[in-house]
Amino acid sequence: MLTKSRKADSGIKLEVNSKLLDSCTNLMEAIRILVKKARLLQAEIVAQGKGTASAKEFYKRNHQWTDGFISAAKAVAAAAKFLLTAADKVVSSNGKLEHMVVAAQEIAASTAQLVVATADAGV
């Protein structure tokens, strides 16, 4: 995206596009770390909570937590994809900044849902 922007844009527009894309890159890296840590936390919760049961039995016994956890992680990923699509459109002058704002708010809401899901493990 930045390569395209560098070829087509200059001055302030190029600077704004560069900053937008840098912000998206940083956010995507943070999301990658969040999902990785959430996966590790999930494994730790399962290990602590299953006792003598298998992981499959733990998930069956705690299906609401598992469903919420997976749903939240999927929502973060979907919002991140929406943000990248919106950023691509903004950089190529076919989109609106408002779409990026909505995507960022969705990422924040989904991240909060993921945090709540990890806290609701009840183990």
PDB file of N, CA and C in Angstrom:
ATOM      1  N   MET A   1       0.830  -1.193   0.000  1.00  0.00           N
ATOM      2  CA  MET A   1       0.000   0.000   0.000  1.00  0.00           C
ATOM      3  C   MET A   1       0.871   1.251   0.000  1.00  0.00           C
ATOM      4  N   LEU A   2       1.903   1.237   0.827  1.00  0.00           N
ATOM      5  CA  LEU A   2       2.761   2.418   0.910  1.00  0.00           C
ATOM      6  C   LEU A   2       3.511   2.635  -0.393  1.00  0.00           C
ATOM      7  N   THR A   3       3.932   1.566  -1.035  1.00  0.00           N
ATOM      8  CA  THR A   3       4.633   1.692  -2.309  1.00  0.00           C
ATOM      9  C   THR A   3       3.735   2.369  -3.338  1.00  0.00           C
ATOM     10  N   LYS A   4       2.467   1.951  -3.392  1.00  0.00           N
ATOM     11  CA  LYS A   4       1.504   2.578  -4.303  1.00  0.00           C
ATOM     12  C   LYS A   4       1.341   4.052  -3.983  1.00  0.00           C
ATOM     13  N   SER A   5       1.222   4.344  -2.707  1.00  0.00           N
ATOM     14  CA  SER A   5       1.035   5.721  -2.273  1.00  0.00           C
ATOM     15  C   SER A   5       2.246   6.575  -2.640  1.00  0.00           C
ATOM     16  N   ARG A   6       3.431   6.027  -2.485  1.00  0.00           N
ATOM     17  CA  ARG A   6       4.645   6.789  -2.818  1.00  0.00           C
ATOM     18  C   ARG A   6       4.710   7.118  -4.302  1.00  0.00           C
ATOM     19  N   LYS A   7       4.211   6.215  -5.129  1.00  0.00           N
ATOM     20  CA  LYS A   7       4.221   6.453  -6.578  1.00  0.00           C
ATOM     21  C   LYS A   7       3.182   7.502  -6.985  1.00  0.00           C
ATOM     22  N   ALA A   8       2.015   7.474  -6.320  1.00  0.00           N
ATOM     23  CA  ALA A   8       0.902   8.322  -6.752  1.00  0.00           C
ATOM     24  C   ALA A   8       0.785   9.639  -5.994  1.00  0.00           C
ATOM     25  N   ASP A   9       1.323   9.712  -4.791  1.00  0.00           N
ATOM     26  CA  ASP A   9       1.102  10.875  -3.940  1.00  0.00           C
ATOM     27  C   ASP A   9       2.407  11.576  -3.599  1.00  0.00           C
ATOM     28  N   SER A  10       2.259  12.789  -3.096  1.00  0.00           N
ATOM     29  CA  SER A  10       3.422  13.542  -2.637  1.00  0.00           C
ATOM     30  C   SER A  10       2.985  14.508  -1.542  1.00  0.00           C
ATOM     31  N   GLY A  11       3.963  15.107  -0.891  1.00  0.00           N
ATOM     32  CA  GLY A  11       3.680  16.132   0.098  1.00  0.00           C
ATOM     33  C   GLY A  11       2.890  15.631   1.287  1.00  0.00           C
ATOM     34  N   ILE A  12       1.905  16.444   1.667  1.00  0.00           N
ATOM     35  CA  ILE A  12       1.107  16.159   2.869  1.00  0.00           C
ATOM     36  C   ILE A  12       0.323  14.857   2.705  1.00  0.00           C
ATOM     37  N   LYS A  13      -0.221  14.604   1.535  1.00  0.00           N
ATOM     38  CA  LYS A  13      -1.008  13.387   1.339  1.00  0.00           C
ATOM     39  C   LYS A  13      -0.134  12.155   1.554  1.00  0.00           C
ATOM     40  N   LEU A  14       1.072  12.182   1.040  1.00  0.00           N
ATOM     41  CA  LEU A  14       1.984  11.052   1.239  1.00  0.00           C
ATOM     42  C   LEU A  14       2.338  10.904   2.713  1.00  0.00           C
ATOM     43  N   GLU A  15       2.563  12.016   3.392  1.00  0.00           N
ATOM     44  CA  GLU A  15       2.891  11.971   4.816  1.00  0.00           C
ATOM     45  C   GLU A  15       1.737  11.394   5.634  1.00  0.00           C
ATOM     46  N   VAL A  16       0.514  11.843   5.333  1.00  0.00           N
ATOM     47  CA  VAL A  16      -0.666  11.335   6.040  1.00  0.00           C
ATOM     48  C   VAL A  16      -0.840   9.848   5.769  1.00  0.00           C
ATOM     49  N   ASN A  17      -0.719   9.449   4.509  1.00  0.00           N
ATOM     50  CA  ASN A  17      -0.861   8.032   4.164  1.00  0.00           C
ATOM     51  C   ASN A  17       0.207   7.190   4.861  1.00  0.00           C
ATOM     52  N   SER A  18       1.421   7.697   4.924  1.00  0.00           N
ATOM     53  CA  SER A  18       2.498   6.974   5.603  1.00  0.00           C
ATOM     54  C   SER A  18       2.178   6.793   7.079  1.00  0.00           C
ATOM     55  N   LYS A  19       1.681   7.857   7.709  1.00  0.00           N
ATOM     56  CA  LYS A  19       1.343   7.762   9.132  1.00  0.00           C
ATOM     57  C   LYS A  19       0.166   6.822   9.365  1.00  0.00           C
ATOM     58  N   LEU A  20      -0.827   6.852   8.477  1.00  0.00           N
ATOM     59  CA  LEU A  20      -1.959   5.924   8.597  1.00  0.00           C
ATOM     60  C   LEU A  20      -1.481   4.483   8.506  1.00  0.00           C
ATOM     61  N   LEU A  21      -0.650   4.225   7.527  1.00  0.00           N
ATOM     62  CA  LEU A  21      -0.178   2.860   7.334  1.00  0.00           C
ATOM     63  C   LEU A  21       0.757   2.424   8.460  1.00  0.00           C
ATOM     64  N   ASP A  22       1.572   3.336   8.964  1.00  0.00           N
ATOM     65  CA  ASP A  22       2.420   3.010  10.122  1.00  0.00           C
ATOM     66  C   ASP A  22       1.556   2.661  11.329  1.00  0.00           C
ATOM     67  N   SER A  23       0.512   3.451  11.540  1.00  0.00           N
ATOM     68  CA  SER A  23      -0.389   3.178  12.671  1.00  0.00           C
ATOM     69  C   SER A  23      -1.068   1.826  12.510  1.00  0.00           C
ATOM     70  N   CYS A  24      -1.513   1.522  11.304  1.00  0.00           N
ATOM     71  CA  CYS A  24      -2.145   0.222  11.044  1.00  0.00           C
ATOM     72  C   CYS A  24      -1.155  -0.914  11.286  1.00  0.00           C
ATOM     73  N   THR A  25       0.068  -0.735  10.844  1.00  0.00           N
ATOM     74  CA  THR A  25       1.092  -1.760  11.036  1.00  0.00           C
ATOM     75  C   THR A  25       1.349  -1.991  12.517  1.00  0.00           C
ATOM     76  N   ASN A  26       1.483  -0.905  13.268  1.00  0.00           N
ATOM     77  CA  ASN A  26       1.703  -1.029  14.715  1.00  0.00           C
ATOM     78  C   ASN A  26       0.520  -1.691  15.406  1.00  0.00           C
ATOM     79  N   LEU A  27      -0.682  -1.325  15.001  1.00  0.00           N
ATOM     80  CA  LEU A  27      -1.880  -1.921  15.591  1.00  0.00           C
ATOM     81  C   LEU A  27      -1.965  -3.406  15.258  1.00  0.00           C
ATOM     82  N   MET A  28      -1.653  -3.773  14.033  1.00  0.00           N
ATOM     83  CA  MET A  28      -1.704  -5.185  13.649  1.00  0.00           C
ATOM     84  C   MET A  28      -0.675  -5.990  14.436  1.00  0.00           C
ATOM     85  N   GLU A  29       0.490  -5.416  14.697  1.00  0.00           N
ATOM     86  CA  GLU A  29       1.497  -6.096  15.504  1.00  0.00           C
ATOM     87  C   GLU A  29       0.997  -6.277  16.932  1.00  0.00           C
ATOM     88  N   ALA A  30       0.342  -5.243  17.461  1.00  0.00           N
ATOM     89  CA  ALA A  30      -0.218  -5.343  18.813  1.00  0.00           C
ATOM     90  C   ALA A  30      -1.308  -6.409  18.868  1.00  0.00           C
ATOM     91  N   ILE A  31      -2.134  -6.483  17.835  1.00  0.00           N
ATOM     92  CA  ILE A  31      -3.189  -7.497  17.772  1.00  0.00           C
ATOM     93  C   ILE A  31      -2.573  -8.892  17.692  1.00  0.00           C
ATOM     94  N   ARG A  32      -1.518  -9.026  16.913  1.00  0.00           N
ATOM     95  CA  ARG A  32      -0.837 -10.321  16.801  1.00  0.00           C
ATOM     96  C   ARG A  32      -0.324 -10.767  18.176  1.00  0.00           C
ATOM     97  N   ILE A  33       0.269  -9.846  18.904  1.00  0.00           N
ATOM     98  CA  ILE A  33       0.769 -10.157  20.251  1.00  0.00           C
ATOM     99  C   ILE A  33      -0.398 -10.495  21.179  1.00  0.00           C
ATOM    100  N   LEU A  34      -1.484  -9.723  21.089  1.00  0.00           N
ATOM    101  CA  LEU A  34      -2.672  -9.969  21.922  1.00  0.00           C
ATOM    102  C   LEU A  34      -3.217 -11.373  21.687  1.00  0.00           C
ATOM    103  N   VAL A  35      -3.364 -11.754  20.438  1.00  0.00           N
ATOM    104  CA  VAL A  35      -3.910 -13.081  20.127  1.00  0.00           C
ATOM    105  C   VAL A  35      -2.952 -14.177  20.592  1.00  0.00           C
ATOM    106  N   LYS A  36      -1.660 -13.954  20.420  1.00  0.00           N
ATOM    107  CA  LYS A  36      -0.663 -14.934  20.874  1.00  0.00           C
ATOM    108  C   LYS A  36      -0.733 -15.105  22.394  1.00  0.00           C
ATOM    109  N   LYS A  37      -0.797 -13.989  23.112  1.00  0.00           N
ATOM    110  CA  LYS A  37      -0.883 -14.046  24.582  1.00  0.00           C
ATOM    111  C   LYS A  37      -2.205 -14.665  25.019  1.00  0.00           C
ATOM    112  N   ALA A  38      -3.286 -14.357  24.308  1.00  0.00           N
ATOM    113  CA  ALA A  38      -4.584 -14.938  24.647  1.00  0.00           C
ATOM    114  C   ALA A  38      -4.552 -16.454  24.471  1.00  0.00           C
ATOM    115  N   ARG A  39      -3.888 -16.903  23.426  1.00  0.00           N
ATOM    116  CA  ARG A  39      -3.764 -18.344  23.186  1.00  0.00           C
ATOM    117  C   ARG A  39      -2.980 -19.009  24.322  1.00  0.00           C
ATOM    118  N   LEU A  40      -1.893 -18.354  24.751  1.00  0.00           N
ATOM    119  CA  LEU A  40      -1.105 -18.892  25.874  1.00  0.00           C
ATOM    120  C   LEU A  40      -1.928 -18.907  27.163  1.00  0.00           C
ATOM    121  N   LEU A  41      -2.681 -17.841  27.400  1.00  0.00           N
ATOM    122  CA  LEU A  41      -3.528 -17.769  28.587  1.00  0.00           C
ATOM    123  C   LEU A  41      -4.593 -18.856  28.552  1.00  0.00           C
ATOM    124  N   GLN A  42      -5.171 -19.068  27.376  1.00  0.00           N
ATOM    125  CA  GLN A  42      -6.185 -20.103  27.236  1.00  0.00           C
ATOM    126  C   GLN A  42      -5.594 -21.463  27.603  1.00  0.00           C
ATOM    127  N   ALA A  43      -4.409 -21.750  27.101  1.00  0.00           N
ATOM    128  CA  ALA A  43      -3.765 -23.031  27.408  1.00  0.00           C
ATOM    129  C   ALA A  43      -3.488 -23.145  28.908  1.00  0.00           C
ATOM    130  N   GLU A  44      -3.066 -22.043  29.523  1.00  0.00           N
ATOM    131  CA  GLU A  44      -2.794 -22.053  30.960  1.00  0.00           C
ATOM    132  C   GLU A  44      -4.076 -22.278  31.762  1.00  0.00           C
ATOM    133  N   ILE A  45      -5.144 -21.626  31.370  1.00  0.00           N
ATOM    134  CA  ILE A  45      -6.434 -21.790  32.063  1.00  0.00           C
ATOM    135  C   ILE A  45      -6.918 -23.225  31.942  1.00  0.00           C
ATOM    136  N   VAL A  46      -6.807 -23.772  30.756  1.00  0.00           N
ATOM    137  CA  VAL A  46      -7.238 -25.158  30.546  1.00  0.00           C
ATOM    138  C   VAL A  46      -6.395 -26.100  31.397  1.00  0.00           C
ATOM    139  N   ALA A  47      -5.091 -25.879  31.415  1.00  0.00           N
ATOM    140  CA  ALA A  47      -4.202 -26.750  32.193  1.00  0.00           C
ATOM    141  C   ALA A  47      -4.527 -26.687  33.679  1.00  0.00           C
ATOM    142  N   GLN A  48      -4.834 -25.501  34.198  1.00  0.00           N
ATOM    143  CA  GLN A  48      -5.153 -25.355  35.616  1.00  0.00           C
ATOM    144  C   GLN A  48      -6.539 -25.883  35.951  1.00  0.00           C
ATOM    145  N   GLY A  49      -7.457 -25.743  35.019  1.00  0.00           N
ATOM    146  CA  GLY A  49      -8.845 -26.067  35.319  1.00  0.00           C
ATOM    147  C   GLY A  49      -9.278 -27.482  35.022  1.00  0.00           C
ATOM    148  N   LYS A  50      -8.501 -28.190  34.245  1.00  0.00           N
ATOM    149  CA  LYS A  50      -8.983 -29.508  33.853  1.00  0.00           C
ATOM    150  C   LYS A  50      -8.751 -30.581  34.899  1.00  0.00           C
ATOM    151  N   GLY A  51      -7.817 -30.362  35.813  1.00  0.00           N
ATOM    152  CA  GLY A  51      -7.565 -31.370  36.850  1.00  0.00           C
ATOM    153  C   GLY A  51      -7.200 -32.690  36.215  1.00  0.00           C
ATOM    154  N   THR A  52      -8.000 -33.701  36.486  1.00  0.00           N
ATOM    155  CA  THR A  52      -7.738 -35.023  35.905  1.00  0.00           C
ATOM    156  C   THR A  52      -8.496 -35.233  34.601  1.00  0.00           C
ATOM    157  N   ALA A  53      -9.318 -34.264  34.229  1.00  0.00           N
ATOM    158  CA  ALA A  53     -10.094 -34.379  32.986  1.00  0.00           C
ATOM    159  C   ALA A  53      -9.211 -34.044  31.785  1.00  0.00           C
ATOM    160  N   SER A  54      -9.651 -34.461  30.619  1.00  0.00           N
ATOM    161  CA  SER A  54      -8.925 -34.117  29.397  1.00  0.00           C
ATOM    162  C   SER A  54      -9.289 -32.690  28.994  1.00  0.00           C
ATOM    163  N   ALA A  55      -8.507 -32.134  28.096  1.00  0.00           N
ATOM    164  CA  ALA A  55      -8.797 -30.782  27.595  1.00  0.00           C
ATOM    165  C   ALA A  55     -10.177 -30.751  26.938  1.00  0.00           C
ATOM    166  N   LYS A  56     -10.520 -31.816  26.225  1.00  0.00           N
ATOM    167  CA  LYS A  56     -11.827 -31.888  25.561  1.00  0.00           C
ATOM    168  C   LYS A  56     -12.956 -31.841  26.592  1.00  0.00           C
ATOM    169  N   GLU A  57     -12.798 -32.558  27.689  1.00  0.00           N
ATOM    170  CA  GLU A  57     -13.808 -32.543  28.757  1.00  0.00           C
ATOM    171  C   GLU A  57     -13.896 -31.170  29.405  1.00  0.00           C
ATOM    172  N   PHE A  58     -12.731 -30.508  29.581  1.00  0.00           N
ATOM    173  CA  PHE A  58     -12.732 -29.154  30.140  1.00  0.00           C
ATOM    174  C   PHE A  58     -13.546 -28.217  29.251  1.00  0.00           C
ATOM    175  N   TYR A  59     -13.298 -28.268  27.948  1.00  0.00           N
ATOM    176  CA  TYR A  59     -14.021 -27.390  27.024  1.00  0.00           C
ATOM    177  C   TYR A  59     -15.516 -27.689  27.027  1.00  0.00           C
ATOM    178  N   LYS A  60     -15.844 -28.956  27.121  1.00  0.00           N
ATOM    179  CA  LYS A  60     -17.258 -29.330  27.159  1.00  0.00           C
ATOM    180  C   LYS A  60     -17.918 -28.795  28.423  1.00  0.00           C
ATOM    181  N   ARG A  61     -17.230 -28.909  29.539  1.00  0.00           N
ATOM    182  CA  ARG A  61     -17.751 -28.453  30.826  1.00  0.00           C
ATOM    183  C   ARG A  61     -17.838 -26.920  30.883  1.00  0.00           C
ATOM    184  N   ASN A  62     -16.947 -26.239  30.166  1.00  0.00           N
ATOM    185  CA  ASN A  62     -16.879 -24.775  30.181  1.00  0.00           C
ATOM    186  C   ASN A  62     -17.180 -24.195  28.801  1.00  0.00           C
ATOM    187  N   HIS A  63     -18.161 -24.746  28.133  1.00  0.00           N
ATOM    188  CA  HIS A  63     -18.433 -24.366  26.742  1.00  0.00           C
ATOM    189  C   HIS A  63     -18.813 -22.898  26.563  1.00  0.00           C
ATOM    190  N   GLN A  64     -19.485 -22.295  27.536  1.00  0.00           N
ATOM    191  CA  GLN A  64     -19.848 -20.882  27.384  1.00  0.00           C
ATOM    192  C   GLN A  64     -18.606 -20.005  27.371  1.00  0.00           C
ATOM    193  N   TRP A  65     -17.673 -20.281  28.268  1.00  0.00           N
ATOM    194  CA  TRP A  65     -16.431 -19.524  28.280  1.00  0.00           C
ATOM    195  C   TRP A  65     -15.666 -19.738  26.975  1.00  0.00           C
ATOM    196  N   THR A  66     -15.579 -20.982  26.548  1.00  0.00           N
ATOM    197  CA  THR A  66     -14.856 -21.300  25.320  1.00  0.00           C
ATOM    198  C   THR A  66     -15.476 -20.582  24.127  1.00  0.00           C
ATOM    199  N   ASP A  67     -16.797 -20.623  24.018  1.00  0.00           N
ATOM    200  CA  ASP A  67     -17.483 -19.952  22.916  1.00  0.00           C
ATOM    201  C   ASP A  67     -17.235 -18.444  22.945  1.00  0.00           C
ATOM    202  N   GLY A  68     -17.290 -17.849  24.132  1.00  0.00           N
ATOM    203  CA  GLY A  68     -17.047 -16.417  24.257  1.00  0.00           C
ATOM    204  C   GLY A  68     -15.621 -16.042  23.898  1.00  0.00           C
ATOM    205  N   PHE A  69     -14.694 -16.862  24.330  1.00  0.00           N
ATOM    206  CA  PHE A  69     -13.278 -16.627  24.054  1.00  0.00           C
ATOM    207  C   PHE A  69     -13.004 -16.690  22.551  1.00  0.00           C
ATOM    208  N   ILE A  70     -13.492 -17.716  21.910  1.00  0.00           N
ATOM    209  CA  ILE A  70     -13.289 -17.885  20.469  1.00  0.00           C
ATOM    210  C   ILE A  70     -14.002 -16.786  19.695  1.00  0.00           C
ATOM    211  N   SER A  71     -15.216 -16.460  20.105  1.00  0.00           N
ATOM    212  CA  SER A  71     -15.980 -15.403  19.451  1.00  0.00           C
ATOM    213  C   SER A  71     -15.249 -14.067  19.535  1.00  0.00           C
ATOM    214  N   ALA A  72     -14.699 -13.759  20.697  1.00  0.00           N
ATOM    215  CA  ALA A  72     -13.977 -12.499  20.881  1.00  0.00           C
ATOM    216  C   ALA A  72     -12.721 -12.455  20.010  1.00  0.00           C
ATOM    217  N   ALA A  73     -11.990 -13.542  19.961  1.00  0.00           N
ATOM    218  CA  ALA A  73     -10.783 -13.588  19.135  1.00  0.00           C
ATOM    219  C   ALA A  73     -11.129 -13.416  17.655  1.00  0.00           C
ATOM    220  N   LYS A  74     -12.204 -14.057  17.209  1.00  0.00           N
ATOM    221  CA  LYS A  74     -12.640 -13.904  15.823  1.00  0.00           C
ATOM    222  C   LYS A  74     -13.079 -12.471  15.535  1.00  0.00           C
ATOM    223  N   ALA A  75     -13.726 -11.831  16.493  1.00  0.00           N
ATOM    224  CA  ALA A  75     -14.174 -10.450  16.313  1.00  0.00           C
ATOM    225  C   ALA A  75     -12.983  -9.504  16.182  1.00  0.00           C
ATOM    226  N   VAL A  76     -11.934  -9.724  16.961  1.00  0.00           N
ATOM    227  CA  VAL A  76     -10.724  -8.902  16.846  1.00  0.00           C
ATOM    228  C   VAL A  76     -10.128  -9.072  15.447  1.00  0.00           C
ATOM    229  N   ALA A  77     -10.036 -10.306  14.982  1.00  0.00           N
ATOM    230  CA  ALA A  77      -9.469 -10.570  13.658  1.00  0.00           C
ATOM    231  C   ALA A  77     -10.314  -9.941  12.547  1.00  0.00           C
ATOM    232  N   ALA A  78     -11.633 -10.045  12.650  1.00  0.00           N
ATOM    233  CA  ALA A  78     -12.509  -9.467  11.632  1.00  0.00           C
ATOM    234  C   ALA A  78     -12.395  -7.948  11.615  1.00  0.00           C
ATOM    235  N   ALA A  79     -12.324  -7.338  12.777  1.00  0.00           N
ATOM    236  CA  ALA A  79     -12.189  -5.882  12.852  1.00  0.00           C
ATOM    237  C   ALA A  79     -10.841  -5.435  12.281  1.00  0.00           C
ATOM    238  N   ALA A  80      -9.801  -6.215  12.533  1.00  0.00           N
ATOM    239  CA  ALA A  80      -8.475  -5.892  11.992  1.00  0.00           C
ATOM    240  C   ALA A  80      -8.493  -5.960  10.466  1.00  0.00           C
ATOM    241  N   LYS A  81      -9.157  -6.966   9.936  1.00  0.00           N
ATOM    242  CA  LYS A  81      -9.276  -7.093   8.479  1.00  0.00           C
ATOM    243  C   LYS A  81     -10.043  -5.902   7.904  1.00  0.00           C
ATOM    244  N   PHE A  82     -11.106  -5.494   8.587  1.00  0.00           N
ATOM    245  CA  PHE A  82     -11.888  -4.336   8.160  1.00  0.00           C
ATOM    246  C   PHE A  82     -11.019  -3.076   8.175  1.00  0.00           C
ATOM    247  N   LEU A  83     -10.178  -2.937   9.204  1.00  0.00           N
ATOM    248  CA  LEU A  83      -9.293  -1.775   9.298  1.00  0.00           C
ATOM    249  C   LEU A  83      -8.324  -1.747   8.119  1.00  0.00           C
ATOM    250  N   LEU A  84      -7.738  -2.879   7.790  1.00  0.00           N
ATOM    251  CA  LEU A  84      -6.806  -2.918   6.664  1.00  0.00           C
ATOM    252  C   LEU A  84      -7.493  -2.586   5.341  1.00  0.00           C
ATOM    253  N   THR A  85      -8.684  -3.091   5.159  1.00  0.00           N
ATOM    254  CA  THR A  85      -9.445  -2.779   3.953  1.00  0.00           C
ATOM    255  C   THR A  85      -9.755  -1.286   3.881  1.00  0.00           C
ATOM    256  N   ALA A  86     -10.185  -0.725   5.005  1.00  0.00           N
ATOM    257  CA  ALA A  86     -10.501   0.705   5.056  1.00  0.00           C
ATOM    258  C   ALA A  86      -9.250   1.538   4.801  1.00  0.00           C
ATOM    259  N   ALA A  87      -8.131   1.152   5.387  1.00  0.00           N
ATOM    260  CA  ALA A  87      -6.875   1.885   5.181  1.00  0.00           C
ATOM    261  C   ALA A  87      -6.446   1.831   3.725  1.00  0.00           C
ATOM    262  N   ASP A  88      -6.566   0.672   3.116  1.00  0.00           N
ATOM    263  CA  ASP A  88      -6.218   0.526   1.703  1.00  0.00           C
ATOM    264  C   ASP A  88      -7.070   1.458   0.847  1.00  0.00           C
ATOM    265  N   LYS A  89      -8.354   1.534   1.152  1.00  0.00           N
ATOM    266  CA  LYS A  89      -9.242   2.409   0.390  1.00  0.00           C
ATOM    267  C   LYS A  89      -8.921   3.881   0.612  1.00  0.00           C
ATOM    268  N   VAL A  90      -8.594   4.247   1.844  1.00  0.00           N
ATOM    269  CA  VAL A  90      -8.248   5.643   2.130  1.00  0.00           C
ATOM    270  C   VAL A  90      -6.974   6.030   1.382  1.00  0.00           C
ATOM    271  N   VAL A  91      -5.978   5.169   1.425  1.00  0.00           N
ATOM    272  CA  VAL A  91      -4.706   5.462   0.769  1.00  0.00           C
ATOM    273  C   VAL A  91      -4.887   5.563  -0.749  1.00  0.00           C
ATOM    274  N   SER A  92      -5.771   4.767  -1.289  1.00  0.00           N
ATOM    275  CA  SER A  92      -5.999   4.807  -2.735  1.00  0.00           C
ATOM    276  C   SER A  92      -7.085   5.815  -3.117  1.00  0.00           C
ATOM    277  N   SER A  93      -7.498   6.653  -2.179  1.00  0.00           N
ATOM    278  CA  SER A  93      -8.484   7.729  -2.394  1.00  0.00           C
ATOM    279  C   SER A  93      -9.877   7.231  -2.743  1.00  0.00           C
ATOM    280  N   ASN A  94     -10.180   5.997  -2.371  1.00  0.00           N
ATOM    281  CA  ASN A  94     -11.516   5.449  -2.619  1.00  0.00           C
ATOM    282  C   ASN A  94     -12.307   5.235  -1.337  1.00  0.00           C
ATOM    283  N   GLY A  95     -11.770   5.680  -0.215  1.00  0.00           N
ATOM    284  CA  GLY A  95     -12.431   5.417   1.055  1.00  0.00           C
ATOM    285  C   GLY A  95     -12.500   6.657   1.920  1.00  0.00           C
ATOM    286  N   LYS A  96     -13.115   6.478   3.078  1.00  0.00           N
ATOM    287  CA  LYS A  96     -13.300   7.580   4.012  1.00  0.00           C
ATOM    288  C   LYS A  96     -12.585   7.267   5.322  1.00  0.00           C
ATOM    289  N   LEU A  97     -12.036   8.305   5.922  1.00  0.00           N
ATOM    290  CA  LEU A  97     -11.379   8.139   7.217  1.00  0.00           C
ATOM    291  C   LEU A  97     -12.353   7.628   8.267  1.00  0.00           C
ATOM    292  N   GLU A  98     -13.613   7.979   8.131  1.00  0.00           N
ATOM    293  CA  GLU A  98     -14.620   7.544   9.097  1.00  0.00           C
ATOM    294  C   GLU A  98     -14.688   6.027   9.192  1.00  0.00           C
ATOM    295  N   HIS A  99     -14.448   5.351   8.068  1.00  0.00           N
ATOM    296  CA  HIS A  99     -14.463   3.879   8.082  1.00  0.00           C
ATOM    297  C   HIS A  99     -13.311   3.339   8.918  1.00  0.00           C
ATOM    298  N   MET A 100     -12.184   4.025   8.867  1.00  0.00           N
ATOM    299  CA  MET A 100     -11.051   3.612   9.695  1.00  0.00           C
ATOM    300  C   MET A 100     -11.356   3.840  11.171  1.00  0.00           C
ATOM    301  N   VAL A 101     -12.037   4.926  11.477  1.00  0.00           N
ATOM    302  CA  VAL A 101     -12.415   5.208  12.866  1.00  0.00           C
ATOM    303  C   VAL A 101     -13.350   4.120  13.375  1.00  0.00           C
ATOM    304  N   VAL A 102     -14.325   3.755  12.561  1.00  0.00           N
ATOM    305  CA  VAL A 102     -15.261   2.696  12.947  1.00  0.00           C
ATOM    306  C   VAL A 102     -14.512   1.388  13.159  1.00  0.00           C
ATOM    307  N   ALA A 103     -13.581   1.074  12.276  1.00  0.00           N
ATOM    308  CA  ALA A 103     -12.808  -0.159  12.411  1.00  0.00           C
ATOM    309  C   ALA A 103     -11.976  -0.148  13.699  1.00  0.00           C
ATOM    310  N   ALA A 104     -11.369   0.989  13.986  1.00  0.00           N
ATOM    311  CA  ALA A 104     -10.568   1.094  15.218  1.00  0.00           C
ATOM    312  C   ALA A 104     -11.450   0.939  16.458  1.00  0.00           C
ATOM    313  N   GLN A 105     -12.643   1.516  16.431  1.00  0.00           N
ATOM    314  CA  GLN A 105     -13.565   1.362  17.562  1.00  0.00           C
ATOM    315  C   GLN A 105     -14.010  -0.085  17.705  1.00  0.00           C
ATOM    316  N   GLU A 106     -14.194  -0.760  16.592  1.00  0.00           N
ATOM    317  CA  GLU A 106     -14.581  -2.167  16.632  1.00  0.00           C
ATOM    318  C   GLU A 106     -13.457  -3.024  17.206  1.00  0.00           C
ATOM    319  N   ILE A 107     -12.227  -2.692  16.856  1.00  0.00           N
ATOM    320  CA  ILE A 107     -11.080  -3.410  17.420  1.00  0.00           C
ATOM    321  C   ILE A 107     -11.040  -3.204  18.926  1.00  0.00           C
ATOM    322  N   ALA A 108     -11.265  -1.970  19.370  1.00  0.00           N
ATOM    323  CA  ALA A 108     -11.256  -1.681  20.812  1.00  0.00           C
ATOM    324  C   ALA A 108     -12.349  -2.469  21.528  1.00  0.00           C
ATOM    325  N   ALA A 109     -13.543  -2.490  20.959  1.00  0.00           N
ATOM    326  CA  ALA A 109     -14.655  -3.211  21.578  1.00  0.00           C
ATOM    327  C   ALA A 109     -14.384  -4.716  21.604  1.00  0.00           C
ATOM    328  N   SER A 110     -13.867  -5.251  20.526  1.00  0.00           N
ATOM    329  CA  SER A 110     -13.571  -6.678  20.452  1.00  0.00           C
ATOM    330  C   SER A 110     -12.449  -7.060  21.408  1.00  0.00           C
ATOM    331  N   THR A 111     -11.465  -6.181  21.539  1.00  0.00           N
ATOM    332  CA  THR A 111     -10.379  -6.429  22.473  1.00  0.00           C
ATOM    333  C   THR A 111     -10.908  -6.453  23.903  1.00  0.00           C
ATOM    334  N   ALA A 112     -11.799  -5.518  24.210  1.00  0.00           N
ATOM    335  CA  ALA A 112     -12.414  -5.515  25.550  1.00  0.00           C
ATOM    336  C   ALA A 112     -13.191  -6.808  25.788  1.00  0.00           C
ATOM    337  N   GLN A 113     -13.880  -7.280  24.759  1.00  0.00           N
ATOM    338  CA  GLN A 113     -14.629  -8.537  24.875  1.00  0.00           C
ATOM    339  C   GLN A 113     -13.661  -9.693  25.135  1.00  0.00           C
ATOM    340  N   LEU A 114     -12.520  -9.683  24.468  1.00  0.00           N
ATOM    341  CA  LEU A 114     -11.532 -10.736  24.665  1.00  0.00           C
ATOM    342  C   LEU A 114     -10.976 -10.699  26.089  1.00  0.00           C
ATOM    343  N   VAL A 115     -10.715  -9.506  26.595  1.00  0.00           N
ATOM    344  CA  VAL A 115     -10.224  -9.356  27.965  1.00  0.00           C
ATOM    345  C   VAL A 115     -11.254  -9.887  28.959  1.00  0.00           C
ATOM    346  N   VAL A 116     -12.509  -9.542  28.740  1.00  0.00           N
ATOM    347  CA  VAL A 116     -13.584 -10.018  29.630  1.00  0.00           C
ATOM    348  C   VAL A 116     -13.689 -11.539  29.545  1.00  0.00           C
ATOM    349  N   ALA A 117     -13.547 -12.083  28.352  1.00  0.00           N
ATOM    350  CA  ALA A 117     -13.634 -13.544  28.200  1.00  0.00           C
ATOM    351  C   ALA A 117     -12.519 -14.247  28.973  1.00  0.00           C
ATOM    352  N   THR A 118     -11.340 -13.658  28.994  1.00  0.00           N
ATOM    353  CA  THR A 118     -10.256 -14.284  29.739  1.00  0.00           C
ATOM    354  C   THR A 118     -10.506 -14.155  31.248  1.00  0.00           C
ATOM    355  N   ALA A 119     -11.113 -13.066  31.660  1.00  0.00           N
ATOM    356  CA  ALA A 119     -11.400 -12.869  33.086  1.00  0.00           C
ATOM    357  C   ALA A 119     -12.548 -13.763  33.559  1.00  0.00           C
ATOM    358  N   ASP A 120     -13.427 -14.129  32.637  1.00  0.00           N
ATOM    359  CA  ASP A 120     -14.591 -14.942  32.986  1.00  0.00           C
ATOM    360  C   ASP A 120     -14.315 -16.433  32.979  1.00  0.00           C
ATOM    361  N   ALA A 121     -13.065 -16.800  32.973  1.00  0.00           N
ATOM    362  CA  ALA A 121     -12.738 -18.227  32.887  1.00  0.00           C
ATOM    363  C   ALA A 121     -13.330 -18.996  34.062  1.00  0.00           C
ATOM    364  N   GLY A 122     -13.387 -18.375  35.204  1.00  0.00           N
ATOM    365  CA  GLY A 122     -14.011 -19.013  36.360  1.00  0.00           C
ATOM    366  C   GLY A 122     -13.300 -20.250  36.836  1.00  0.00           C
ATOM    367  N   VAL A 123     -12.038 -20.372  36.532  1.00  0.00           N
ATOM    368  CA  VAL A 123     -11.292 -21.549  36.925  1.00  0.00           C
ATOM    369  C   VAL A 123     -10.428 -21.219  38.127  1.00  0.00           C
TER     370      VAL A 123
END
